[in-house]
Amino acid sequence: MYKYLLLCISLMFLFSCEDESNTYEVGSSWMDAQSKIVMIDTLTMKMSTIMMDSTITSGKRVMMIGNIQDQTFGKVTSSSLFELTPSSYSLSSPSTAVYDSLVMYLTNTDFYYGDTLKTYKLAVHPLTDRIKLNNGYLYNKSNFNYSSNSIGNAEFYPRPNTDSSYVKIKLNQSYGQALFNTLKNSDVTNQEYFLNFYKGLALVPSSENNAMLRFGINSLYEVQINKSTKEKVSNVVRMYYHTTSQNGTELVKYTLDLSPSTTLQYNKISSDFTGSELANLTPQNSIPSTSLGNKTYLMAGIGVYTKVEIPYLKSLKNLYENYKIIDATLSVSPVAGYYSNNFYNPSPLYYYVGDKLNHLVSNYTSDGSTEITTSLSDSSEFQNEHTYNFSMRTYVNSILTETTSSNHNTLIYPSSYADVLCGKTVFGDAKNKTNPAKLKIYMLGY
């Protein structure tokens, strides 16, 4: 009897706990135990290469200068144009000051791509137009004229991030003397007046180059000016002049710096796809990945980006009466044969929700304000396992909860859409044989 009574009590306890044991919490919702989590990786993805009309290249505190040419992107050329601001609009002891020289210093940061084993050439040209912002920005296609006559030239072997990473360009003596005389006469009292005479400079690469270099504005770097002197310099135009001491036997040396503007400076970048894999790409004509050997392309400075469409995403709603998206990840990989540490693989990558006209609708954020970025996961020794992984859960949820079709898609950008200081890459689409793109969605249905 005792054993029978104990068995009955145990059975009663078991049945009383059944409802509780058959449910579990996901987020704030209690789901029935009959539900299950499935992984879906068979949704159709349409990928294509698009080109924007123009790209913001101002306000980056960086000068991109050079040429590159290859079968993939054709020929890309970048010059940097900027306004100069003098540290003072007057000279010390102007009545006795004597002009010596005008020198431009450029500090090459650790970023470059292309062929740095051959001589690199660039020229300095004075602007003939004043630089003016367009709704607060300057773009890769903004156009301001400069003189066809250069006032200085440099020829060197690029050595980024070394003691030889700075470039010294002595500017034309007559140009420097005229600038000196303008300041010596004390007619200039502010920047607006100064710009009437000196609108700025353009740094223009030689067509013989096949490398792109980056020079940092306001990035101090200690360089060996001569055998006995080291100075910390940034991108600056430095005027040297002197006066004589009261006894007339010694020289008193002075410098005056003219610094590139961080606002009224931009990189003028042009592209020519003739003979390249992107020969038919224009802002009006995007190219599906299927027409490019199951590949898509991305290069920030010329506004070439990758677009990802998931046309049948809403069909997931038909799988279960009730559902919850647990996770969703889009993985894209640089294609074998297009992979190089120096030439490709921008980092970080941002991604945005775009409309059918490729306009940006919103960004992906982690807290409503902080943009989500992703870097290349390349710890594996196998290149086909190197990937960029994008969290798509918020995007998938937003599409599934829409009551009408919005035709929204995902646009992949190298760094911020307003940033061009990155490399370039080629992705595989979902049917690429070596580096296929993958979309995995984990869904709880009940």
Protein backbone atom coordinates (compact mmCIF):
# COMPACT_ATOMS: atom_id res chain seq x y z
CA MET A 1 0.00 0.00 0.00
CA TYR A 2 2.83 2.34 0.86
CA LYS A 3 4.53 1.72 -2.50
CA TYR A 4 1.23 2.16 -4.35
CA LEU A 5 0.57 5.48 -2.60
CA LEU A 6 4.09 6.72 -3.41
CA LEU A 7 3.59 5.82 -7.10
CA CYS A 8 0.31 7.77 -7.28
CA ILE A 9 1.86 10.83 -5.68
CA SER A 10 4.78 10.69 -8.15
CA LEU A 11 2.43 10.46 -11.13
CA MET A 12 0.38 13.40 -9.88
CA PHE A 13 3.56 15.50 -9.52
CA LEU A 14 4.69 14.54 -13.00
CA PHE A 15 1.40 15.54 -14.65
CA SER A 16 1.22 18.79 -12.71
CA CYS A 17 4.62 19.79 -14.19
CA GLU A 18 3.86 18.87 -17.80
CA ASP A 19 2.74 22.32 -18.97
CA GLU A 20 5.81 23.97 -17.45
CA SER A 21 8.26 21.45 -18.89
CA ASN A 22 6.76 21.70 -22.34
CA THR A 23 7.51 25.39 -22.68
CA TYR A 24 10.68 27.44 -22.69
CA GLU A 25 11.50 31.09 -23.01
CA VAL A 26 12.97 32.74 -26.12
CA GLY A 27 13.37 36.44 -25.55
CA SER A 28 10.16 37.46 -23.84
CA SER A 29 7.93 34.83 -25.52
CA TRP A 30 7.00 31.38 -24.19
CA MET A 31 6.97 28.80 -26.99
CA ASP A 32 5.43 25.32 -27.11
CA ALA A 33 7.90 22.44 -26.96
CA GLN A 34 6.50 21.08 -30.22
CA SER A 35 8.14 24.01 -31.99
CA LYS A 36 11.55 23.57 -33.54
CA ILE A 37 14.49 25.59 -34.76
CA VAL A 38 15.38 25.19 -38.43
CA MET A 39 18.30 26.52 -40.42
CA ILE A 40 17.39 27.83 -43.86
CA ASP A 41 20.18 28.34 -46.41
CA THR A 42 18.34 27.84 -49.70
CA LEU A 43 16.78 31.27 -50.22
CA THR A 44 17.55 32.80 -53.60
CA MET A 45 20.05 35.67 -53.53
CA LYS A 46 20.50 38.05 -56.42
CA MET A 47 23.79 39.93 -56.36
CA SER A 48 24.95 42.67 -58.69
CA THR A 49 27.56 45.40 -59.10
CA ILE A 50 26.24 48.96 -59.03
CA MET A 51 27.82 52.37 -59.52
CA MET A 52 26.77 55.55 -57.75
CA ASP A 53 26.68 58.91 -59.54
CA SER A 54 29.28 60.34 -57.15
CA THR A 55 30.96 59.66 -53.82
CA ILE A 56 31.81 62.03 -50.97
CA THR A 57 35.58 62.43 -50.71
CA SER A 58 35.94 65.53 -48.51
CA GLY A 59 36.54 65.83 -44.78
CA LYS A 60 38.68 62.68 -44.51
CA ARG A 61 41.98 64.40 -43.57
CA VAL A 62 43.68 62.31 -46.21
CA MET A 63 45.03 62.94 -49.70
CA MET A 64 44.71 60.04 -52.14
CA ILE A 65 47.07 60.49 -55.07
CA GLY A 66 48.00 58.10 -57.86
CA ASN A 67 47.00 55.88 -60.75
CA ILE A 68 46.23 52.21 -60.91
CA GLN A 69 45.33 50.11 -63.91
CA ASP A 70 44.35 46.46 -64.14
CA GLN A 71 42.03 44.12 -65.98
CA THR A 72 39.51 44.20 -63.14
CA PHE A 73 38.68 47.88 -62.63
CA GLY A 74 40.37 49.48 -65.62
CA LYS A 75 42.18 52.78 -64.96
CA VAL A 76 41.60 54.82 -61.82
CA THR A 77 43.24 58.21 -61.23
CA SER A 78 43.13 60.33 -58.10
CA SER A 79 44.35 63.89 -57.50
CA SER A 80 43.94 65.90 -54.31
CA LEU A 81 42.82 69.54 -54.27
CA PHE A 82 42.85 71.74 -51.19
CA GLU A 83 42.74 75.25 -49.83
CA LEU A 84 45.72 76.57 -47.82
CA THR A 85 45.49 78.50 -44.56
CA PRO A 86 48.57 80.41 -43.34
CA SER A 87 49.47 80.24 -39.65
CA SER A 88 49.84 84.04 -39.79
CA TYR A 89 48.89 86.70 -42.29
CA SER A 90 51.99 88.76 -41.49
CA LEU A 91 55.74 88.23 -41.25
CA SER A 92 58.14 88.82 -38.40
CA SER A 93 60.15 92.02 -38.97
CA PRO A 94 58.58 92.54 -42.38
CA SER A 95 60.63 95.63 -43.24
CA THR A 96 63.89 93.65 -43.14
CA ALA A 97 62.62 90.13 -43.96
CA VAL A 98 64.23 88.34 -46.89
CA TYR A 99 62.68 85.38 -48.68
CA ASP A 100 64.58 82.07 -48.82
CA SER A 101 62.38 79.23 -50.11
CA LEU A 102 58.96 77.57 -50.13
CA VAL A 103 58.85 73.82 -49.50
CA MET A 104 55.97 71.35 -49.41
CA TYR A 105 56.22 68.34 -47.07
CA LEU A 106 53.99 65.29 -47.52
CA THR A 107 53.89 62.46 -45.01
CA ASN A 108 52.98 59.09 -46.52
CA THR A 109 50.86 56.98 -44.16
CA ASP A 110 51.03 53.19 -44.10
CA PHE A 111 48.35 52.80 -46.75
CA TYR A 112 49.20 52.13 -50.38
CA TYR A 113 48.38 49.75 -53.18
CA GLY A 114 49.82 49.04 -56.54
CA ASP A 115 53.43 48.89 -57.69
CA THR A 116 55.72 50.69 -55.22
CA LEU A 117 58.92 49.22 -56.67
CA LYS A 118 59.08 51.75 -59.49
CA THR A 119 59.63 55.48 -59.30
CA TYR A 120 56.55 57.46 -58.31
CA LYS A 121 55.99 60.95 -59.72
CA LEU A 122 53.65 63.79 -58.82
CA ALA A 123 53.34 67.50 -59.61
CA VAL A 124 52.04 70.54 -57.70
CA HIS A 125 49.72 72.95 -59.53
CA PRO A 126 48.16 76.21 -58.23
CA LEU A 127 44.36 76.35 -58.29
CA THR A 128 42.68 78.92 -60.50
CA ASP A 129 39.20 78.29 -59.02
CA ARG A 130 38.19 78.59 -55.41
CA ILE A 131 36.94 75.38 -53.83
CA LYS A 132 33.30 75.57 -52.76
CA LEU A 133 31.23 72.99 -50.91
CA ASN A 134 28.11 71.46 -52.40
CA ASN A 135 25.57 71.04 -49.58
CA GLY A 136 28.44 70.70 -47.15
CA TYR A 137 30.50 68.19 -49.13
CA LEU A 138 32.90 67.69 -52.00
CA TYR A 139 32.68 64.66 -54.28
CA ASN A 140 34.97 62.53 -56.40
CA LYS A 141 33.52 64.25 -59.47
CA SER A 142 33.67 67.82 -58.10
CA ASN A 143 35.61 69.90 -60.60
CA PHE A 144 37.75 72.97 -59.88
CA ASN A 145 40.35 74.19 -62.34
CA TYR A 146 44.06 74.44 -61.75
CA SER A 147 46.90 75.85 -63.83
CA SER A 148 48.43 73.57 -66.43
CA ASN A 149 51.87 74.79 -65.32
CA SER A 150 53.30 73.00 -62.31
CA ILE A 151 55.18 74.88 -59.58
CA GLY A 152 56.94 71.82 -58.19
CA ASN A 153 57.63 68.18 -58.94
CA ALA A 154 58.64 65.10 -56.97
CA GLU A 155 60.10 61.77 -58.03
CA PHE A 156 60.73 59.11 -55.41
CA TYR A 157 60.37 55.47 -54.39
CA PRO A 158 57.35 55.04 -52.08
CA ARG A 159 58.37 53.85 -48.60
CA PRO A 160 55.22 54.10 -46.45
CA ASN A 161 55.66 54.32 -42.68
CA THR A 162 59.47 54.52 -42.75
CA ASP A 163 61.99 57.32 -42.23
CA SER A 164 61.79 57.83 -45.98
CA SER A 165 58.01 58.10 -45.98
CA TYR A 166 57.95 61.87 -46.28
CA VAL A 167 58.26 63.75 -49.55
CA LYS A 168 59.98 67.13 -49.81
CA ILE A 169 59.06 69.30 -52.81
CA LYS A 170 60.75 72.65 -53.32
CA LEU A 171 58.22 74.94 -54.98
CA ASN A 172 58.89 77.41 -57.75
CA GLN A 173 61.01 80.34 -56.56
CA SER A 174 58.93 83.00 -58.29
CA TYR A 175 55.68 81.55 -56.87
CA GLY A 176 57.16 81.55 -53.37
CA GLN A 177 58.55 85.06 -53.74
CA ALA A 178 55.17 86.41 -54.86
CA LEU A 179 53.49 84.76 -51.85
CA PHE A 180 56.15 86.20 -49.56
CA ASN A 181 55.70 89.69 -50.98
CA THR A 182 51.92 89.49 -50.51
CA LEU A 183 52.33 88.73 -46.80
CA LYS A 184 55.22 91.19 -46.37
CA ASN A 185 53.18 94.12 -47.67
CA SER A 186 50.67 93.52 -44.85
CA ASP A 187 47.71 93.83 -47.19
CA VAL A 188 46.32 90.44 -46.16
CA THR A 189 44.41 90.42 -42.89
CA ASN A 190 42.13 87.36 -43.16
CA GLN A 191 41.55 84.14 -45.07
CA GLU A 192 38.92 85.58 -47.38
CA TYR A 193 41.33 88.24 -48.58
CA PHE A 194 44.19 85.74 -48.85
CA LEU A 195 42.12 83.52 -51.16
CA ASN A 196 41.86 86.33 -53.67
CA PHE A 197 45.53 85.69 -54.41
CA TYR A 198 46.14 82.04 -53.46
CA LYS A 199 43.18 79.73 -53.98
CA GLY A 200 44.98 76.52 -53.11
CA LEU A 201 46.95 73.69 -54.67
CA ALA A 202 46.36 70.47 -56.59
CA LEU A 203 48.58 67.41 -56.26
CA VAL A 204 48.46 65.55 -59.56
CA PRO A 205 50.02 62.11 -60.22
CA SER A 206 52.04 61.30 -63.31
CA SER A 207 50.32 59.04 -65.84
CA GLU A 208 53.40 56.79 -65.57
CA ASN A 209 52.54 55.68 -62.03
CA ASN A 210 50.81 52.43 -61.20
CA ALA A 211 50.31 52.96 -57.47
CA MET A 212 47.95 54.82 -55.15
CA LEU A 213 49.43 56.54 -52.08
CA ARG A 214 47.78 58.17 -49.09
CA PHE A 215 49.16 61.27 -47.39
CA GLY A 216 47.73 62.18 -44.00
CA ILE A 217 46.67 65.74 -43.18
CA ASN A 218 47.64 66.81 -39.64
CA SER A 219 49.43 63.50 -39.02
CA LEU A 220 52.78 64.51 -37.49
CA TYR A 221 55.81 62.47 -38.42
CA GLU A 222 59.42 63.04 -37.38
CA VAL A 223 61.65 63.25 -40.43
CA GLN A 224 65.31 63.88 -41.12
CA ILE A 225 65.31 67.33 -42.74
CA ASN A 226 69.09 67.27 -43.18
CA LYS A 227 72.12 65.50 -41.73
CA SER A 228 71.88 67.26 -38.40
CA THR A 229 68.22 68.25 -38.06
CA LYS A 230 65.02 66.36 -37.41
CA GLU A 231 61.62 68.02 -37.50
CA LYS A 232 58.07 66.88 -36.90
CA VAL A 233 56.11 67.72 -40.00
CA SER A 234 52.71 66.95 -41.44
CA ASN A 235 51.30 67.81 -44.84
CA VAL A 236 52.31 71.44 -44.93
CA VAL A 237 53.72 74.16 -47.16
CA ARG A 238 56.51 75.81 -45.19
CA MET A 239 57.96 79.20 -46.05
CA TYR A 240 61.55 79.90 -44.97
CA TYR A 241 62.80 83.49 -44.61
CA HIS A 242 65.29 85.44 -42.53
CA THR A 243 66.30 88.81 -41.19
CA THR A 244 69.70 89.97 -39.98
CA SER A 245 70.61 90.62 -36.36
CA GLN A 246 71.01 94.16 -35.06
CA ASN A 247 74.77 94.00 -35.53
CA GLY A 248 74.23 92.74 -39.04
CA THR A 249 76.51 89.74 -38.65
CA GLU A 250 74.05 86.90 -37.97
CA LEU A 251 70.95 85.62 -39.68
CA VAL A 252 67.71 85.22 -37.75
CA LYS A 253 65.72 82.44 -39.39
CA TYR A 254 61.92 82.18 -39.48
CA THR A 255 59.29 79.83 -40.87
CA LEU A 256 55.63 80.31 -41.70
CA ASP A 257 53.38 77.31 -42.32
CA LEU A 258 50.47 77.14 -44.73
CA SER A 259 48.31 74.14 -43.85
CA PRO A 260 45.84 72.25 -46.07
CA SER A 261 42.23 72.73 -45.03
CA THR A 262 40.54 69.69 -43.49
CA THR A 263 37.16 70.84 -44.84
CA LEU A 264 37.92 72.41 -48.20
CA GLN A 265 39.97 69.46 -49.41
CA TYR A 266 38.87 66.50 -51.48
CA ASN A 267 40.12 63.71 -53.69
CA LYS A 268 39.18 64.03 -57.32
CA ILE A 269 38.86 60.45 -58.55
CA SER A 270 38.07 59.37 -62.09
CA SER A 271 37.70 55.94 -63.65
CA ASP A 272 37.84 54.43 -67.12
CA PHE A 273 36.51 50.89 -67.43
CA THR A 274 37.45 50.52 -71.11
CA GLY A 275 38.81 47.02 -71.75
CA SER A 276 38.17 45.88 -68.17
CA GLU A 277 35.70 43.41 -66.66
CA LEU A 278 33.45 46.37 -65.78
CA ALA A 279 33.39 47.83 -69.29
CA ASN A 280 29.57 48.05 -69.34
CA LEU A 281 29.11 49.45 -65.83
CA THR A 282 27.57 52.93 -65.49
CA PRO A 283 25.39 54.61 -62.83
CA GLN A 284 22.43 53.83 -65.09
CA ASN A 285 23.45 50.25 -65.89
CA SER A 286 24.21 47.83 -63.06
CA ILE A 287 25.61 44.38 -63.90
CA PRO A 288 24.22 41.15 -62.39
CA SER A 289 26.78 38.75 -60.97
CA THR A 290 25.73 36.12 -63.49
CA SER A 291 27.11 38.35 -66.27
CA LEU A 292 30.46 38.69 -64.49
CA GLY A 293 31.32 35.04 -63.92
CA ASN A 294 29.31 34.84 -60.68
CA LYS A 295 31.22 37.75 -59.14
CA THR A 296 30.44 41.22 -57.80
CA TYR A 297 32.82 44.15 -57.43
CA LEU A 298 33.49 46.84 -54.88
CA MET A 299 35.75 49.92 -54.93
CA ALA A 300 34.83 52.89 -52.77
CA GLY A 301 36.57 55.83 -54.40
CA ILE A 302 34.79 55.42 -57.71
CA GLY A 303 31.44 54.51 -56.17
CA VAL A 304 31.36 50.83 -57.19
CA TYR A 305 29.47 48.70 -54.68
CA THR A 306 27.82 45.31 -54.27
CA LYS A 307 24.05 44.96 -54.00
CA VAL A 308 22.35 41.92 -52.45
CA GLU A 309 18.66 41.18 -53.04
CA ILE A 310 16.64 38.43 -51.34
CA PRO A 311 13.45 38.46 -53.44
CA TYR A 312 11.59 35.64 -51.70
CA LEU A 313 12.42 36.48 -48.11
CA LYS A 314 8.77 36.99 -47.16
CA SER A 315 8.01 33.38 -48.11
CA LEU A 316 9.42 32.40 -44.71
CA LYS A 317 6.16 33.61 -43.18
CA ASN A 318 4.38 30.68 -44.86
CA LEU A 319 6.41 28.03 -43.07
CA TYR A 320 4.82 28.42 -39.64
CA GLU A 321 1.79 30.10 -38.22
CA ASN A 322 4.01 31.56 -35.54
CA TYR A 323 7.73 32.11 -35.86
CA LYS A 324 10.72 33.98 -34.48
CA ILE A 325 13.98 34.76 -36.27
CA ILE A 326 16.77 33.65 -33.96
CA ASP A 327 19.67 34.67 -36.18
CA ALA A 328 20.55 35.51 -39.78
CA THR A 329 24.01 35.91 -41.27
CA LEU A 330 25.21 36.84 -44.75
CA SER A 331 28.74 35.68 -45.55
CA VAL A 332 30.68 36.91 -48.58
CA SER A 333 34.21 36.00 -49.53
CA PRO A 334 36.93 37.52 -51.77
CA VAL A 335 37.21 35.37 -54.87
CA ALA A 336 40.32 33.26 -55.37
CA GLY A 337 42.63 34.90 -57.90
CA TYR A 338 41.48 38.39 -56.88
CA TYR A 339 42.89 38.16 -53.38
CA SER A 340 45.86 40.21 -52.19
CA ASN A 341 46.72 41.74 -48.82
CA ASN A 342 48.10 44.90 -50.44
CA PHE A 343 45.58 45.38 -53.21
CA TYR A 344 42.21 44.33 -51.87
CA ASN A 345 40.16 43.51 -48.78
CA PRO A 346 38.92 46.81 -47.36
CA SER A 347 38.25 46.88 -43.65
CA PRO A 348 35.92 47.63 -42.09
CA LEU A 349 32.89 47.10 -44.27
CA TYR A 350 29.58 48.79 -43.57
CA TYR A 351 26.25 47.81 -45.07
CA TYR A 352 23.06 49.70 -45.68
CA VAL A 353 19.45 49.17 -46.58
CA GLY A 354 18.88 50.52 -50.07
CA ASP A 355 15.84 50.95 -52.28
CA LYS A 356 15.32 49.74 -55.83
CA LEU A 357 17.04 52.89 -57.15
CA ASN A 358 20.06 52.14 -54.94
CA HIS A 359 19.43 55.10 -52.67
CA LEU A 360 20.36 54.62 -49.03
CA VAL A 361 17.33 54.14 -46.81
CA SER A 362 18.97 53.36 -43.46
CA ASN A 363 22.04 51.78 -41.93
CA TYR A 364 22.37 48.67 -39.82
CA THR A 365 22.87 49.55 -36.17
CA SER A 366 23.45 47.63 -32.96
CA ASP A 367 21.71 50.10 -30.62
CA GLY A 368 19.74 52.34 -32.95
CA SER A 369 22.64 54.71 -33.54
CA THR A 370 25.95 52.83 -33.76
CA GLU A 371 26.58 51.49 -37.26
CA ILE A 372 27.50 47.82 -37.43
CA THR A 373 30.76 47.03 -39.19
CA THR A 374 32.49 43.81 -40.10
CA SER A 375 36.10 42.95 -40.83
CA LEU A 376 37.58 40.17 -42.89
CA SER A 377 37.86 36.92 -40.97
CA ASP A 378 41.11 35.55 -42.36
CA SER A 379 42.56 33.40 -39.57
CA SER A 380 42.14 30.23 -41.60
CA GLU A 381 45.09 29.06 -43.70
CA PHE A 382 42.65 28.39 -46.53
CA GLN A 383 41.75 31.47 -48.54
CA ASN A 384 38.34 30.11 -49.51
CA GLU A 385 37.40 30.31 -45.83
CA HIS A 386 38.18 34.03 -45.53
CA THR A 387 34.87 35.84 -45.15
CA TYR A 388 33.03 38.99 -44.21
CA ASN A 389 30.05 38.09 -42.01
CA PHE A 390 27.11 40.48 -41.86
CA SER A 391 24.39 40.21 -39.22
CA MET A 392 21.05 40.28 -41.05
CA ARG A 393 18.63 39.45 -38.24
CA THR A 394 17.31 43.00 -37.88
CA TYR A 395 16.89 43.32 -41.64
CA VAL A 396 15.09 39.97 -41.98
CA ASN A 397 12.74 40.82 -39.11
CA SER A 398 11.96 44.22 -40.59
CA ILE A 399 11.08 42.73 -43.98
CA LEU A 400 8.93 39.99 -42.48
CA THR A 401 6.93 42.48 -40.40
CA GLU A 402 6.22 44.83 -43.30
CA THR A 403 2.63 44.91 -44.46
CA THR A 404 3.53 46.06 -47.97
CA SER A 405 6.39 45.31 -50.33
CA SER A 406 9.21 47.87 -50.12
CA ASN A 407 11.72 46.33 -52.54
CA HIS A 408 14.45 47.06 -50.03
CA ASN A 409 17.82 45.37 -50.52
CA THR A 410 21.25 45.37 -48.93
CA LEU A 411 24.10 47.52 -50.21
CA ILE A 412 27.64 46.59 -49.17
CA TYR A 413 30.07 49.46 -48.89
CA PRO A 414 33.78 49.57 -48.10
CA SER A 415 33.79 51.43 -44.79
CA SER A 416 31.18 54.17 -44.45
CA TYR A 417 29.32 55.08 -47.63
CA ALA A 418 30.91 58.53 -47.31
CA ASP A 419 34.41 57.11 -46.96
CA VAL A 420 36.76 56.29 -49.82
CA LEU A 421 39.91 55.47 -47.92
CA CYS A 422 39.82 51.75 -48.52
CA GLY A 423 40.87 49.19 -51.06
CA LYS A 424 38.85 47.13 -53.45
CA THR A 425 37.66 43.57 -53.67
CA VAL A 426 35.73 41.04 -55.73
CA PHE A 427 33.08 38.83 -54.07
CA GLY A 428 31.64 35.53 -55.18
CA ASP A 429 27.86 35.20 -55.49
CA ALA A 430 25.85 32.21 -54.24
CA LYS A 431 26.82 30.12 -57.28
CA ASN A 432 30.51 30.98 -57.37
CA LYS A 433 32.48 27.73 -57.51
CA THR A 434 35.33 28.70 -55.19
CA ASN A 435 33.95 31.40 -52.89
CA PRO A 436 30.14 31.28 -52.78
CA ALA A 437 28.11 33.80 -50.79
CA LYS A 438 25.93 32.22 -48.11
CA LEU A 439 22.80 33.34 -46.30
CA LYS A 440 21.86 31.34 -43.21
CA ILE A 441 18.66 32.06 -41.29
CA TYR A 442 17.84 30.32 -38.01
CA MET A 443 14.12 30.32 -37.41
CA LEU A 444 11.98 29.11 -34.52
CA GLY A 445 8.57 27.97 -35.71
CA TYR A 446 5.54 26.60 -33.89
